[in-house]
Protein backbone atom coordinates (compact mmCIF):
# COMPACT_ATOMS: atom_id res chain seq x y z
CA MET A 1 7.66 14.74 33.09
CA ASN A 2 3.99 14.35 33.97
CA HIS A 3 1.46 17.11 33.50
CA GLU A 4 -1.79 17.84 31.78
CA ALA A 5 -0.87 18.86 28.30
CA GLY A 6 -1.52 22.10 26.50
CA LEU A 7 1.75 22.56 24.67
CA ALA A 8 2.87 24.69 21.74
CA ARG A 9 5.59 23.00 19.68
CA GLY A 10 6.68 25.35 16.92
CA THR A 11 4.91 26.36 13.73
CA LEU A 12 2.77 24.04 11.65
CA LEU A 13 4.53 23.91 8.29
CA GLU A 14 2.80 22.67 5.13
CA LEU A 15 4.81 21.17 2.24
CA PRO A 16 3.87 19.33 -0.96
CA GLY A 17 3.57 15.62 -0.29
CA ALA A 18 5.19 14.79 -3.61
CA GLY A 19 8.57 15.39 -1.99
CA VAL A 20 8.18 12.07 -0.16
CA GLY A 21 6.09 10.32 -2.81
CA GLU A 22 2.70 11.10 -1.27
CA ARG A 23 -0.38 12.85 -2.63
CA GLY A 24 -1.63 16.03 -1.03
CA HIS A 25 0.35 17.83 1.64
CA LEU A 26 2.72 17.20 4.51
CA ARG A 27 2.11 19.00 7.80
CA LEU A 28 4.97 19.19 10.29
CA LEU A 29 5.91 21.05 13.43
CA GLU A 30 8.94 23.12 12.47
CA SER A 31 10.59 26.36 13.48
CA ALA A 32 10.93 28.75 10.54
CA PRO A 33 13.07 29.11 8.53
CA CYS A 34 13.87 25.54 7.46
CA ASP A 35 15.04 23.76 4.32
CA PRO A 36 12.23 21.62 2.81
CA GLN A 37 14.71 19.45 0.91
CA GLN A 38 16.48 18.54 4.15
CA ILE A 39 13.14 17.68 5.73
CA TYR A 40 12.22 15.45 2.80
CA ALA A 41 15.59 13.71 2.97
CA ARG A 42 15.27 13.09 6.71
CA ILE A 43 11.76 11.67 6.34
CA LEU A 44 12.77 9.36 3.48
CA SER A 45 15.81 8.10 5.38
CA GLU A 46 13.78 7.68 8.61
CA ARG A 47 15.92 10.22 10.44
CA TYR A 48 13.23 12.84 10.95
CA GLY A 49 12.51 11.80 14.52
CA LYS A 50 9.18 13.60 14.91
CA PRO A 51 5.56 12.85 14.00
CA PHE A 52 4.18 14.28 10.79
CA ILE A 53 0.88 14.34 8.91
CA VAL A 54 -0.01 13.41 5.34
CA ASP A 55 -3.30 14.95 4.17
CA ASP A 56 -4.58 13.91 0.73
CA GLY A 57 -7.94 15.68 1.01
CA ARG A 58 -9.77 12.47 1.87
CA THR A 59 -7.80 11.21 4.86
CA ARG A 60 -5.43 12.78 7.34
CA ARG A 61 -2.81 10.31 8.54
CA LEU A 62 -0.25 10.48 11.33
CA TYR A 63 3.20 8.93 10.83
CA PHE A 64 6.43 8.48 12.74
CA SER A 65 7.87 6.73 9.69
CA LEU A 66 6.44 6.29 6.22
CA ARG A 67 6.58 2.53 6.78
CA PHE A 68 3.67 2.59 9.25
CA ILE A 69 0.51 4.68 9.54
CA GLN A 70 0.00 5.49 13.21
CA SER A 71 -3.50 6.93 12.87
CA SER A 72 -5.98 7.80 10.13
CA MET A 73 -8.94 10.18 10.06
CA ARG A 74 -11.55 10.58 7.33
CA ILE A 75 -11.92 14.26 6.50
CA ASP A 76 -15.65 13.94 5.80
CA ASP A 77 -16.35 11.92 8.98
CA PRO A 78 -13.64 12.67 11.54
CA VAL A 79 -15.12 10.64 14.41
CA THR A 80 -15.51 7.37 12.49
CA LEU A 81 -12.93 4.74 13.43
CA ASP A 82 -11.00 4.30 10.19
CA PHE A 83 -8.84 1.35 11.31
CA ALA A 84 -10.35 -2.07 11.99
CA TYR A 85 -8.19 -2.59 15.08
CA THR A 86 -9.60 0.54 16.76
CA ARG A 87 -13.12 -0.74 16.14
CA LYS A 88 -12.15 -4.09 17.65
CA MET A 89 -10.71 -2.39 20.74
CA MET A 90 -14.14 -0.83 21.32
CA ALA A 91 -15.38 -4.37 22.00
CA PHE A 92 -14.50 -3.55 25.62
CA LEU A 93 -18.12 -2.31 25.83
CA LEU A 94 -19.27 -5.93 25.62
CA PHE A 95 -17.74 -6.42 29.05
CA VAL A 96 -17.95 -2.94 30.60
CA PRO A 97 -20.90 -1.28 28.82
CA ASP A 98 -21.09 1.92 30.89
CA PRO A 99 -17.64 2.88 32.22
CA SER A 100 -17.32 6.05 34.25
CA GLU A 101 -13.54 6.19 33.69
CA VAL A 102 -11.45 5.06 30.72
CA LEU A 103 -7.66 5.39 30.74
CA MET A 104 -5.85 5.30 27.38
CA VAL A 105 -2.14 4.89 26.71
CA GLY A 106 -1.18 6.42 23.37
CA LEU A 107 -2.96 9.38 21.77
CA GLY A 108 -1.91 9.10 18.12
CA GLY A 109 -4.49 10.98 16.09
CA GLY A 110 -7.03 10.63 18.89
CA SER A 111 -9.33 8.19 17.08
CA LEU A 112 -10.37 6.20 20.14
CA ALA A 113 -10.54 9.28 22.35
CA LYS A 114 -12.83 11.09 19.90
CA PHE A 115 -15.09 8.10 19.40
CA CYS A 116 -15.46 7.49 23.13
CA HIS A 117 -16.04 11.19 23.76
CA ARG A 118 -18.86 11.23 21.19
CA HIS A 119 -20.59 7.97 22.03
CA LEU A 120 -19.96 7.59 25.79
CA PRO A 121 -21.29 10.91 27.13
CA ASP A 122 -21.07 9.85 30.79
CA THR A 123 -17.46 8.65 30.59
CA HIS A 124 -14.40 10.62 31.69
CA LEU A 125 -11.34 9.98 29.52
CA THR A 126 -7.67 10.28 30.45
CA VAL A 127 -5.09 9.86 27.67
CA VAL A 128 -1.39 9.35 28.45
CA GLU A 129 0.98 10.31 25.64
CA ILE A 130 4.75 10.48 25.91
CA SER A 131 5.37 12.75 22.90
CA PRO A 132 4.66 16.48 23.26
CA ASP A 133 4.80 16.73 19.47
CA VAL A 134 1.96 14.23 19.09
CA ILE A 135 -0.05 16.19 21.63
CA ALA A 136 0.67 19.45 19.82
CA LEU A 137 -0.97 17.99 16.69
CA ARG A 138 -4.24 17.14 18.47
CA GLY A 139 -6.02 20.09 16.87
CA GLU A 140 -5.26 18.75 13.39
CA PHE A 141 -7.33 15.68 14.27
CA GLY A 142 -10.10 17.52 16.08
CA VAL A 143 -9.46 16.02 19.51
CA PRO A 144 -11.97 17.78 21.81
CA GLU A 145 -10.92 20.10 24.58
CA ASP A 146 -13.37 19.94 27.46
CA ALA A 147 -13.68 18.69 31.03
CA ARG A 148 -14.43 15.09 30.01
CA ILE A 149 -11.10 14.49 28.29
CA LYS A 150 -7.70 15.05 29.86
CA ILE A 151 -4.43 14.51 28.00
CA VAL A 152 -1.38 13.90 30.16
CA GLN A 153 2.13 14.14 28.74
CA ALA A 154 4.01 11.34 30.49
CA ASP A 155 5.83 8.06 30.04
CA ALA A 156 3.20 5.37 30.68
CA ALA A 157 5.85 3.20 32.35
CA GLU A 158 6.14 5.89 35.02
CA TYR A 159 2.52 7.01 35.01
CA LEU A 160 0.78 3.67 35.52
CA PRO A 161 2.43 2.86 38.89
CA SER A 162 1.44 6.29 40.25
CA ALA A 163 -2.10 5.25 41.28
CA GLU A 164 -4.31 2.19 41.76
CA GLY A 165 -7.95 1.25 41.26
CA ASP A 166 -9.00 4.39 39.41
CA THR A 167 -10.41 3.12 36.08
CA GLU A 168 -12.76 0.48 34.73
CA VAL A 169 -11.07 0.22 31.32
CA LEU A 170 -7.44 0.63 30.29
CA LEU A 171 -6.64 0.78 26.56
CA LEU A 172 -3.01 0.11 25.62
CA ASP A 173 -2.05 1.39 22.16
CA GLY A 174 1.41 2.86 22.73
CA PHE A 175 3.77 2.58 19.76
CA ASP A 176 6.94 4.22 18.51
CA ALA A 177 8.38 4.12 15.00
CA SER A 178 9.49 0.49 15.47
CA GLY A 179 6.52 -1.07 17.25
CA ILE A 180 5.24 -1.45 20.80
CA ALA A 181 7.04 0.96 23.11
CA PRO A 182 10.06 -0.96 24.50
CA ALA A 183 9.44 0.45 27.99
CA PHE A 184 6.36 -1.78 28.17
CA LEU A 185 8.43 -4.98 28.03
CA ARG A 186 8.65 -5.45 31.80
CA ARG A 187 6.63 -7.57 34.19
CA GLY A 188 6.20 -4.53 36.42
CA PHE A 189 4.56 -2.54 33.63
CA TYR A 190 1.73 -5.01 33.12
CA GLU A 191 1.36 -5.57 36.87
CA ALA A 192 1.00 -1.82 37.37
CA ALA A 193 -1.57 -1.76 34.55
CA ARG A 194 -3.61 -4.41 36.32
CA ARG A 195 -3.50 -2.46 39.59
CA ARG A 196 -5.02 0.60 37.87
CA LEU A 197 -8.22 -1.39 37.27
CA ARG A 198 -11.20 -1.39 39.57
CA PRO A 199 -12.93 -4.69 40.42
CA GLY A 200 -14.51 -6.04 37.24
CA GLY A 201 -12.19 -3.90 35.14
CA LEU A 202 -10.69 -4.72 31.76
CA LEU A 203 -7.42 -4.02 29.96
CA VAL A 204 -7.41 -4.04 26.14
CA ALA A 205 -4.07 -4.17 24.33
CA ASN A 206 -3.29 -3.76 20.63
CA PHE A 207 -0.54 -6.07 19.35
CA CYS A 208 0.55 -5.28 15.80
CA GLY A 209 2.67 -7.28 13.38
CA PRO A 210 3.79 -10.91 13.36
CA PRO A 211 3.50 -12.67 16.74
CA GLN A 212 7.30 -12.93 17.05
CA ARG A 213 7.34 -9.15 17.54
CA TRP A 214 4.87 -9.04 20.43
CA TYR A 215 4.70 -12.53 21.95
CA ARG A 216 6.87 -11.59 24.93
CA HIS A 217 4.48 -8.74 25.71
CA PHE A 218 1.56 -11.16 25.60
CA ARG A 219 3.32 -13.54 27.98
CA LEU A 220 3.94 -10.76 30.50
CA LEU A 221 0.34 -9.58 30.21
CA ASP A 222 -0.97 -13.11 30.62
CA ASP A 223 1.16 -13.66 33.74
CA ALA A 224 0.08 -10.34 35.29
CA PHE A 225 -3.59 -11.28 34.81
CA ASP A 226 -3.21 -14.91 35.94
CA GLY A 227 -4.18 -16.28 32.54
CA ARG A 228 -7.46 -14.36 32.29
CA VAL A 229 -6.62 -13.05 28.80
CA HIS A 230 -8.58 -13.67 25.62
CA LEU A 231 -6.88 -12.97 22.30
CA GLY A 232 -8.71 -12.05 19.10
CA ARG A 233 -7.48 -11.50 15.55
CA VAL A 234 -8.54 -8.44 13.57
CA THR A 235 -10.08 -9.37 10.21
CA TYR A 236 -8.00 -8.27 7.17
CA ALA A 237 -5.41 -6.56 9.38
CA ASP A 238 -2.06 -7.33 10.98
CA ASN A 239 -3.35 -6.81 14.52
CA HIS A 240 -4.32 -8.97 17.47
CA ILE A 241 -6.35 -7.54 20.36
CA ALA A 242 -5.96 -8.91 23.87
CA PHE A 243 -8.71 -8.58 26.49
CA ALA A 244 -7.36 -9.03 30.03
CA PHE A 245 -9.81 -9.33 32.93
CA ALA A 246 -8.94 -7.96 36.36
CA ASP A 247 -10.88 -10.61 38.27
CA THR A 248 -14.24 -11.68 36.78
CA GLY A 249 -15.85 -12.36 33.42
CA PHE A 250 -13.60 -15.24 32.41
CA PRO A 251 -14.14 -17.70 30.77
CA LEU A 252 -16.42 -15.78 28.41
CA ASP A 253 -20.21 -16.23 28.52
CA TRP A 254 -21.00 -16.28 24.80
CA ALA A 255 -24.80 -16.19 25.15
CA ARG A 256 -24.62 -13.16 27.42
CA LEU A 257 -22.18 -11.41 25.08
CA ALA A 258 -24.43 -12.03 22.06
CA LYS A 259 -27.39 -10.47 23.88
CA ARG A 260 -25.35 -7.46 24.98
CA ALA A 261 -23.95 -7.05 21.45
CA ARG A 262 -27.45 -6.60 20.03
CA ALA A 263 -28.26 -3.96 22.63
CA LEU A 264 -25.01 -2.05 22.04
CA ALA A 265 -25.48 -2.05 18.26
CA ASP A 266 -28.72 -0.13 18.75
CA ARG A 267 -26.94 2.83 20.37
CA ILE A 268 -23.37 2.82 19.01
CA PRO A 269 -22.49 2.58 15.28
CA LEU A 270 -20.30 -0.52 15.45
CA ASP A 271 -20.91 -4.16 14.53
CA PHE A 272 -20.85 -5.67 18.02
CA PRO A 273 -22.36 -9.02 16.93
CA GLU A 274 -19.42 -9.39 14.52
CA PHE A 275 -17.05 -8.60 17.40
CA VAL A 276 -18.51 -11.52 19.34
CA ASP A 277 -18.04 -13.81 16.34
CA ARG A 278 -14.40 -12.72 16.01
CA LEU A 279 -13.78 -13.25 19.71
CA ARG A 280 -15.15 -16.78 19.45
CA ALA A 281 -12.96 -17.41 16.41
CA GLY A 282 -9.93 -16.43 18.48
CA ALA A 283 -10.43 -19.19 21.04
CA GLY A 284 -7.56 -21.25 19.61
CA LEU A 285 -5.02 -18.46 19.22
CA ARG A 286 -3.35 -19.18 22.56
CA ARG A 287 -2.54 -22.70 21.39
CA GLU A 288 -0.98 -21.29 18.22
CA LEU A 289 1.20 -18.93 20.24
CA ARG A 290 2.61 -21.76 22.34
CA ARG A 291 4.61 -22.81 19.28
CA LEU A 292 6.73 -19.69 19.78
CA GLN A 293 7.94 -20.78 23.21
């Protein structure tokens, strides 16, 4: 299935969050009538099988399982990037400061899409999301609907090979309830991702959890990009962000990046100089990963 999304997926049901040990309210896509106690039991036993929202009045969070928050939005500032790893992924602007096209894999609560839409007014955004239920919740997170942002309901493993050379930046943040989407764990997936990039393009991938869970993905990415991958660790978070360069810009020019970081910080509310520092601190991470071989 592969089409621009505008789907209706049942009725948005609101239940007290206390039924699953949370403050505030649950919001779920359900067909009425339904039994709230059965829904609570399925969520607690991780058998619910659909995304759901927990809203405590301060944040609105998207879950597939209560073990992991997929996305978080501040109610009083819905465009701010609430998670450190999403802010670190925006470091792509250090390398491609004015992209005309950005392709994203994984919608979640739309944090990156909303931020790019607000702060990159000349950029066209395409977001690939496999779950129609996630897409149906886009309104709960205020994901814009206009000509500059297109959401496509598709499996990224099928979508990426369908075209070549059509984007400057590709952001990979596709997860299911257990981690990185298993369909990504193929050499062909990362090779197709590289082919989507224009000359000078950049792929940015979010790897979450202990390295044992994502190291094979990193190896495939590194092979597809002929070793032109820089890995950075997210401060105070269980994420690593990989920056893979289609052809140029590697090794990194730290003086040039520091100068560009100062210019970017004047127009976009993110700490780009700190991003440069964190990238430099990640220079030895590849050596650490070799221990897993």
